[in-house]
Amino acid sequence: MKTIELIEYGPVIPVIVINNVDEAVPIAEALVQGGIKVLEVTLRSECALEAIEQIATKVPSAIVGAGTLRTDADATNAKIAGSQFAVSPGYTHAMGAICKHVDLPLLPGVSTGSEVMEANNDGFDFLKLFPAVAVGGINLLKGFNGPFSNIQFCPTGGITIDSAPEFLKLPNVPVCGGTWLTPKHLVEGKKWDEISKLAKAASSL
């Protein structure tokens, strides 16, 4: 799989932090029921890898990936856990190399023109702009479209259900990432139906 193929499954990739492994499958099932199949589980909690493994084995209709990859070990462990793709907050040649070595499709994070050039030189033409709003958001993406017209972006960081449509109108933004689909209060309250509703709204953007 190439990461650009992820756009075929909808306009939003949820960025999910799972702090309790028992919540992994219900969250994934709720999102899939709402029409969101591509799930990024960030490696920001101790149970993240186990959560990815649970989703990969018990929710076969989901396409689960690991986010916040920073080291070689992150990439290797994500692959072993069953990740079908990976997302990094920034880009280095080493990160690109290890993901290729373990056959883990990577959506590399960038925030500057130099990072875009380095990632593209290593063969990546679908990139994550992060943290999107903080580094310039829509105006930066409009600026990138000139010199980097062959690059597609998935902006993530600070995007909401209200601002997502404006990002998705840009010619170089086929999909965006967001944390609003799995808010902490809904997860802790086990309100899976409410998460499904948020997923339905996101999938229809």
C-alpha atoms as a PDB file:
ATOM      1  CA  MET A   1       0.000   0.000   0.000  1.00  0.00           C
ATOM      2  CA  LYS A   2       1.032   3.577  -0.672  1.00  0.00           C
ATOM      3  CA  THR A   3      -0.106   6.162   1.852  1.00  0.00           C
ATOM      4  CA  ILE A   4      -1.742   8.246  -0.899  1.00  0.00           C
ATOM      5  CA  GLU A   5      -4.240   5.401  -1.226  1.00  0.00           C
ATOM      6  CA  LEU A   6      -5.599   6.331   2.206  1.00  0.00           C
ATOM      7  CA  ILE A   7      -7.461   9.258   0.665  1.00  0.00           C
ATOM      8  CA  GLU A   8      -9.792   6.811  -1.045  1.00  0.00           C
ATOM      9  CA  TYR A   9     -11.405   6.046   2.321  1.00  0.00           C
ATOM     10  CA  GLY A  10     -12.594   9.535   3.196  1.00  0.00           C
ATOM     11  CA  PRO A  11     -11.537  13.109   3.829  1.00  0.00           C
ATOM     12  CA  VAL A  12     -10.520  12.790   7.494  1.00  0.00           C
ATOM     13  CA  ILE A  13      -7.990  10.621   9.333  1.00  0.00           C
ATOM     14  CA  PRO A  14      -8.677  10.663  13.078  1.00  0.00           C
ATOM     15  CA  VAL A  15      -5.650  11.143  15.317  1.00  0.00           C
ATOM     16  CA  ILE A  16      -6.347   8.953  18.330  1.00  0.00           C
ATOM     17  CA  VAL A  17      -4.692   8.811  21.746  1.00  0.00           C
ATOM     18  CA  ILE A  18      -5.641   5.601  23.577  1.00  0.00           C
ATOM     19  CA  ASN A  19      -4.826   5.526  27.287  1.00  0.00           C
ATOM     20  CA  ASN A  20      -6.727   2.333  28.131  1.00  0.00           C
ATOM     21  CA  VAL A  21      -6.271  -0.675  25.880  1.00  0.00           C
ATOM     22  CA  ASP A  22      -9.828  -1.835  26.642  1.00  0.00           C
ATOM     23  CA  GLU A  23     -11.071   1.238  24.783  1.00  0.00           C
ATOM     24  CA  ALA A  24      -9.186   0.459  21.559  1.00  0.00           C
ATOM     25  CA  VAL A  25     -11.687  -1.880  19.914  1.00  0.00           C
ATOM     26  CA  PRO A  26     -14.833   0.079  20.898  1.00  0.00           C
ATOM     27  CA  ILE A  27     -13.291   3.299  19.577  1.00  0.00           C
ATOM     28  CA  ALA A  28     -12.304   1.658  16.303  1.00  0.00           C
ATOM     29  CA  GLU A  29     -15.695   0.012  15.885  1.00  0.00           C
ATOM     30  CA  ALA A  30     -17.488   3.294  16.578  1.00  0.00           C
ATOM     31  CA  LEU A  31     -15.398   5.147  13.981  1.00  0.00           C
ATOM     32  CA  VAL A  32     -15.823   2.436  11.363  1.00  0.00           C
ATOM     33  CA  GLN A  33     -19.577   2.401  11.973  1.00  0.00           C
ATOM     34  CA  GLY A  34     -19.558   6.132  11.295  1.00  0.00           C
ATOM     35  CA  GLY A  35     -17.762   5.658   7.988  1.00  0.00           C
ATOM     36  CA  ILE A  36     -14.172   6.339   9.082  1.00  0.00           C
ATOM     37  CA  LYS A  37     -11.923   3.366   8.325  1.00  0.00           C
ATOM     38  CA  VAL A  38      -8.418   4.857   8.387  1.00  0.00           C
ATOM     39  CA  LEU A  39      -7.288   5.258  12.000  1.00  0.00           C
ATOM     40  CA  GLU A  40      -4.053   6.783  13.279  1.00  0.00           C
ATOM     41  CA  VAL A  41      -3.253   5.624  16.804  1.00  0.00           C
ATOM     42  CA  THR A  42      -0.485   7.766  18.225  1.00  0.00           C
ATOM     43  CA  LEU A  43       2.418   6.294  20.161  1.00  0.00           C
ATOM     44  CA  ARG A  44       1.821   8.743  22.991  1.00  0.00           C
ATOM     45  CA  SER A  45       0.680   6.243  25.601  1.00  0.00           C
ATOM     46  CA  GLU A  46       2.162   3.118  27.136  1.00  0.00           C
ATOM     47  CA  CYS A  47      -0.580   0.910  25.699  1.00  0.00           C
ATOM     48  CA  ALA A  48      -0.520   2.342  22.162  1.00  0.00           C
ATOM     49  CA  LEU A  49       1.200  -0.633  20.527  1.00  0.00           C
ATOM     50  CA  GLU A  50      -1.105  -3.093  22.262  1.00  0.00           C
ATOM     51  CA  ALA A  51      -4.074  -0.968  21.187  1.00  0.00           C
ATOM     52  CA  ILE A  52      -2.890  -1.119  17.570  1.00  0.00           C
ATOM     53  CA  GLU A  53      -2.545  -4.882  17.826  1.00  0.00           C
ATOM     54  CA  GLN A  54      -6.066  -5.189  19.250  1.00  0.00           C
ATOM     55  CA  ILE A  55      -7.557  -3.103  16.443  1.00  0.00           C
ATOM     56  CA  ALA A  56      -5.569  -4.899  13.756  1.00  0.00           C
ATOM     57  CA  THR A  57      -6.759  -8.323  14.919  1.00  0.00           C
ATOM     58  CA  LYS A  58     -10.313  -7.579  16.078  1.00  0.00           C
ATOM     59  CA  VAL A  59     -11.507  -4.824  13.715  1.00  0.00           C
ATOM     60  CA  PRO A  60     -10.488  -6.147  10.274  1.00  0.00           C
ATOM     61  CA  SER A  61     -12.477  -3.494   8.419  1.00  0.00           C
ATOM     62  CA  ALA A  62     -10.271  -0.769   9.911  1.00  0.00           C
ATOM     63  CA  ILE A  63      -6.986   0.368   8.387  1.00  0.00           C
ATOM     64  CA  VAL A  64      -4.891   1.081  11.452  1.00  0.00           C
ATOM     65  CA  GLY A  65      -1.645   2.997  11.493  1.00  0.00           C
ATOM     66  CA  ALA A  66       0.797   4.243  14.103  1.00  0.00           C
ATOM     67  CA  GLY A  67       1.380   7.943  14.644  1.00  0.00           C
ATOM     68  CA  THR A  68       4.136   9.956  16.290  1.00  0.00           C
ATOM     69  CA  LEU A  69       6.952   7.724  15.021  1.00  0.00           C
ATOM     70  CA  ARG A  70      10.271   9.231  16.091  1.00  0.00           C
ATOM     71  CA  THR A  71      12.805   6.387  16.243  1.00  0.00           C
ATOM     72  CA  ASP A  72      13.848   3.216  14.435  1.00  0.00           C
ATOM     73  CA  ALA A  73      12.355   1.225  17.313  1.00  0.00           C
ATOM     74  CA  ASP A  74       9.018   2.995  16.868  1.00  0.00           C
ATOM     75  CA  ALA A  75       8.866   1.917  13.235  1.00  0.00           C
ATOM     76  CA  THR A  76       9.871  -1.682  13.950  1.00  0.00           C
ATOM     77  CA  ASN A  77       7.474  -2.047  16.871  1.00  0.00           C
ATOM     78  CA  ALA A  78       4.606  -0.463  14.940  1.00  0.00           C
ATOM     79  CA  LYS A  79       5.093  -2.948  12.116  1.00  0.00           C
ATOM     80  CA  ILE A  80       5.195  -5.891  14.522  1.00  0.00           C
ATOM     81  CA  ALA A  81       2.006  -4.663  16.223  1.00  0.00           C
ATOM     82  CA  GLY A  82       0.149  -4.786  12.919  1.00  0.00           C
ATOM     83  CA  SER A  83       0.279  -1.202  11.701  1.00  0.00           C
ATOM     84  CA  GLN A  84      -0.577  -0.872   8.022  1.00  0.00           C
ATOM     85  CA  PHE A  85       0.933   2.598   7.749  1.00  0.00           C
ATOM     86  CA  ALA A  86       2.846   5.089   9.880  1.00  0.00           C
ATOM     87  CA  VAL A  87       2.855   8.834  10.477  1.00  0.00           C
ATOM     88  CA  SER A  88       5.759  10.892  11.817  1.00  0.00           C
ATOM     89  CA  PRO A  89       5.642  14.425  13.278  1.00  0.00           C
ATOM     90  CA  GLY A  90       8.732  15.421  11.299  1.00  0.00           C
ATOM     91  CA  TYR A  91      10.994  13.919   8.664  1.00  0.00           C
ATOM     92  CA  THR A  92      14.541  12.611   8.576  1.00  0.00           C
ATOM     93  CA  HIS A  93      16.257  10.453   5.997  1.00  0.00           C
ATOM     94  CA  ALA A  94      16.766   7.836   8.722  1.00  0.00           C
ATOM     95  CA  MET A  95      13.038   7.643   9.428  1.00  0.00           C
ATOM     96  CA  GLY A  96      12.264   7.228   5.741  1.00  0.00           C
ATOM     97  CA  ALA A  97      14.902   4.516   5.450  1.00  0.00           C
ATOM     98  CA  ILE A  98      13.765   2.426   8.433  1.00  0.00           C
ATOM     99  CA  CYS A  99      10.135   2.503   7.313  1.00  0.00           C
ATOM    100  CA  LYS A 100      11.135   1.328   3.851  1.00  0.00           C
ATOM    101  CA  HIS A 101      13.338  -1.356   5.414  1.00  0.00           C
ATOM    102  CA  VAL A 102      10.471  -2.817   7.491  1.00  0.00           C
ATOM    103  CA  ASP A 103       7.943  -2.282   4.661  1.00  0.00           C
ATOM    104  CA  LEU A 104       5.820   0.219   6.575  1.00  0.00           C
ATOM    105  CA  PRO A 105       4.254   2.914   4.346  1.00  0.00           C
ATOM    106  CA  LEU A 106       5.106   6.323   5.826  1.00  0.00           C
ATOM    107  CA  LEU A 107       3.234   9.615   5.838  1.00  0.00           C
ATOM    108  CA  PRO A 108       6.099  11.933   6.840  1.00  0.00           C
ATOM    109  CA  GLY A 109       5.540  15.135   8.776  1.00  0.00           C
ATOM    110  CA  VAL A 110       6.888  18.438   7.460  1.00  0.00           C
ATOM    111  CA  SER A 111       6.535  22.096   8.356  1.00  0.00           C
ATOM    112  CA  THR A 112       9.107  23.840   6.129  1.00  0.00           C
ATOM    113  CA  GLY A 113      10.099  23.952   2.497  1.00  0.00           C
ATOM    114  CA  SER A 114      13.419  22.276   3.297  1.00  0.00           C
ATOM    115  CA  GLU A 115      11.665  19.313   4.896  1.00  0.00           C
ATOM    116  CA  VAL A 116       9.348  19.024   1.897  1.00  0.00           C
ATOM    117  CA  MET A 117      12.369  18.952  -0.412  1.00  0.00           C
ATOM    118  CA  GLU A 118      14.187  16.333   1.681  1.00  0.00           C
ATOM    119  CA  ALA A 119      11.139  14.052   1.916  1.00  0.00           C
ATOM    120  CA  ASN A 120      10.355  14.417  -1.769  1.00  0.00           C
ATOM    121  CA  ASN A 121      13.978  13.681  -2.679  1.00  0.00           C
ATOM    122  CA  ASP A 122      13.609  10.403  -0.755  1.00  0.00           C
ATOM    123  CA  GLY A 123      10.563   9.470  -2.811  1.00  0.00           C
ATOM    124  CA  PHE A 124       7.686  10.820  -0.728  1.00  0.00           C
ATOM    125  CA  ASP A 125       5.049  12.964  -2.436  1.00  0.00           C
ATOM    126  CA  PHE A 126       2.217  12.692   0.116  1.00  0.00           C
ATOM    127  CA  LEU A 127       3.174  14.536   3.296  1.00  0.00           C
ATOM    128  CA  LYS A 128       1.657  15.517   6.623  1.00  0.00           C
ATOM    129  CA  LEU A 129       1.784  19.243   7.398  1.00  0.00           C
ATOM    130  CA  PHE A 130       2.257  19.482  11.165  1.00  0.00           C
ATOM    131  CA  PRO A 131       1.381  21.360  13.307  1.00  0.00           C
ATOM    132  CA  ALA A 132      -0.730  22.729  10.472  1.00  0.00           C
ATOM    133  CA  VAL A 133      -2.446  25.747  11.997  1.00  0.00           C
ATOM    134  CA  ALA A 134       0.565  26.807  14.068  1.00  0.00           C
ATOM    135  CA  VAL A 135       2.951  26.874  11.085  1.00  0.00           C
ATOM    136  CA  GLY A 136       0.709  28.801   8.716  1.00  0.00           C
ATOM    137  CA  GLY A 137      -2.251  26.609   7.869  1.00  0.00           C
ATOM    138  CA  ILE A 138      -4.165  27.462   4.737  1.00  0.00           C
ATOM    139  CA  ASN A 139      -1.873  30.320   3.722  1.00  0.00           C
ATOM    140  CA  LEU A 140       1.217  28.113   3.952  1.00  0.00           C
ATOM    141  CA  LEU A 141      -0.441  25.362   1.920  1.00  0.00           C
ATOM    142  CA  LYS A 142      -1.405  27.897  -0.731  1.00  0.00           C
ATOM    143  CA  GLY A 143       2.201  29.041  -0.811  1.00  0.00           C
ATOM    144  CA  PHE A 144       3.515  25.482  -1.078  1.00  0.00           C
ATOM    145  CA  ASN A 145       1.244  24.750  -4.040  1.00  0.00           C
ATOM    146  CA  GLY A 146       3.438  26.864  -6.323  1.00  0.00           C
ATOM    147  CA  PRO A 147       6.928  25.359  -5.906  1.00  0.00           C
ATOM    148  CA  PHE A 148       5.619  21.969  -4.757  1.00  0.00           C
ATOM    149  CA  SER A 149       2.727  21.447  -7.156  1.00  0.00           C
ATOM    150  CA  ASN A 150       3.462  17.692  -7.294  1.00  0.00           C
ATOM    151  CA  ILE A 151       3.046  17.268  -3.535  1.00  0.00           C
ATOM    152  CA  GLN A 152      -0.180  16.397  -1.712  1.00  0.00           C
ATOM    153  CA  PHE A 153      -0.612  17.246   1.966  1.00  0.00           C
ATOM    154  CA  CYS A 154      -2.554  15.955   4.950  1.00  0.00           C
ATOM    155  CA  PRO A 155      -2.664  18.914   7.355  1.00  0.00           C
ATOM    156  CA  THR A 156      -2.923  17.920  11.007  1.00  0.00           C
ATOM    157  CA  GLY A 157      -2.789  19.959  14.183  1.00  0.00           C
ATOM    158  CA  GLY A 158      -5.359  22.527  15.227  1.00  0.00           C
ATOM    159  CA  ILE A 159      -7.943  21.547  12.609  1.00  0.00           C
ATOM    160  CA  THR A 160     -11.598  21.323  13.654  1.00  0.00           C
ATOM    161  CA  ILE A 161     -14.828  20.128  12.100  1.00  0.00           C
ATOM    162  CA  ASP A 162     -15.514  23.771  11.231  1.00  0.00           C
ATOM    163  CA  SER A 163     -12.154  24.569   9.629  1.00  0.00           C
ATOM    164  CA  ALA A 164     -11.615  21.230   7.883  1.00  0.00           C
ATOM    165  CA  PRO A 165     -13.792  22.108   4.847  1.00  0.00           C
ATOM    166  CA  GLU A 166     -11.638  25.174   4.128  1.00  0.00           C
ATOM    167  CA  PHE A 167      -8.497  23.031   4.111  1.00  0.00           C
ATOM    168  CA  LEU A 168     -10.133  20.390   1.942  1.00  0.00           C
ATOM    169  CA  LYS A 169     -11.002  23.010  -0.691  1.00  0.00           C
ATOM    170  CA  LEU A 170      -7.296  23.458  -1.431  1.00  0.00           C
ATOM    171  CA  PRO A 171      -6.023  21.631  -4.533  1.00  0.00           C
ATOM    172  CA  ASN A 172      -3.126  20.067  -2.628  1.00  0.00           C
ATOM    173  CA  VAL A 173      -5.186  18.808   0.350  1.00  0.00           C
ATOM    174  CA  PRO A 174      -7.124  15.586  -0.355  1.00  0.00           C
ATOM    175  CA  VAL A 175      -7.467  14.664   3.330  1.00  0.00           C
ATOM    176  CA  CYS A 176      -6.826  16.161   6.756  1.00  0.00           C
ATOM    177  CA  GLY A 177      -6.162  14.773  10.217  1.00  0.00           C
ATOM    178  CA  GLY A 178      -7.960  15.677  13.396  1.00  0.00           C
ATOM    179  CA  THR A 179      -8.348  14.846  17.066  1.00  0.00           C
ATOM    180  CA  TRP A 180     -11.934  16.024  17.354  1.00  0.00           C
ATOM    181  CA  LEU A 181     -13.466  12.646  16.458  1.00  0.00           C
ATOM    182  CA  THR A 182     -12.477  10.981  19.736  1.00  0.00           C
ATOM    183  CA  PRO A 183     -12.728  13.656  22.454  1.00  0.00           C
ATOM    184  CA  LYS A 184     -11.601  12.559  25.887  1.00  0.00           C
ATOM    185  CA  HIS A 185     -14.968  13.080  27.583  1.00  0.00           C
ATOM    186  CA  LEU A 186     -16.768  10.823  25.105  1.00  0.00           C
ATOM    187  CA  VAL A 187     -14.137   8.094  25.388  1.00  0.00           C
ATOM    188  CA  GLU A 188     -14.110   8.177  29.181  1.00  0.00           C
ATOM    189  CA  GLY A 189     -17.912   8.142  29.180  1.00  0.00           C
ATOM    190  CA  LYS A 190     -17.929   5.231  26.733  1.00  0.00           C
ATOM    191  CA  LYS A 191     -20.309   7.157  24.512  1.00  0.00           C
ATOM    192  CA  TRP A 192     -19.506   5.189  21.381  1.00  0.00           C
ATOM    193  CA  ASP A 193     -22.700   6.258  19.582  1.00  0.00           C
ATOM    194  CA  GLU A 194     -21.639   9.906  19.922  1.00  0.00           C
ATOM    195  CA  ILE A 195     -18.232   9.086  18.433  1.00  0.00           C
ATOM    196  CA  SER A 196     -19.997   7.373  15.532  1.00  0.00           C
ATOM    197  CA  LYS A 197     -22.001  10.549  14.963  1.00  0.00           C
ATOM    198  CA  LEU A 198     -18.820  12.611  14.846  1.00  0.00           C
ATOM    199  CA  ALA A 199     -17.355  10.116  12.389  1.00  0.00           C
ATOM    200  CA  LYS A 200     -20.423  10.351  10.144  1.00  0.00           C
ATOM    201  CA  ALA A 201     -20.146  14.143  10.104  1.00  0.00           C
ATOM    202  CA  ALA A 202     -16.446  13.950   9.258  1.00  0.00           C
ATOM    203  CA  SER A 203     -16.886  11.348   6.530  1.00  0.00           C
ATOM    204  CA  SER A 204     -19.436  13.541   4.794  1.00  0.00           C
ATOM    205  CA  LEU A 205     -17.166  16.608   4.521  1.00  0.00           C
END
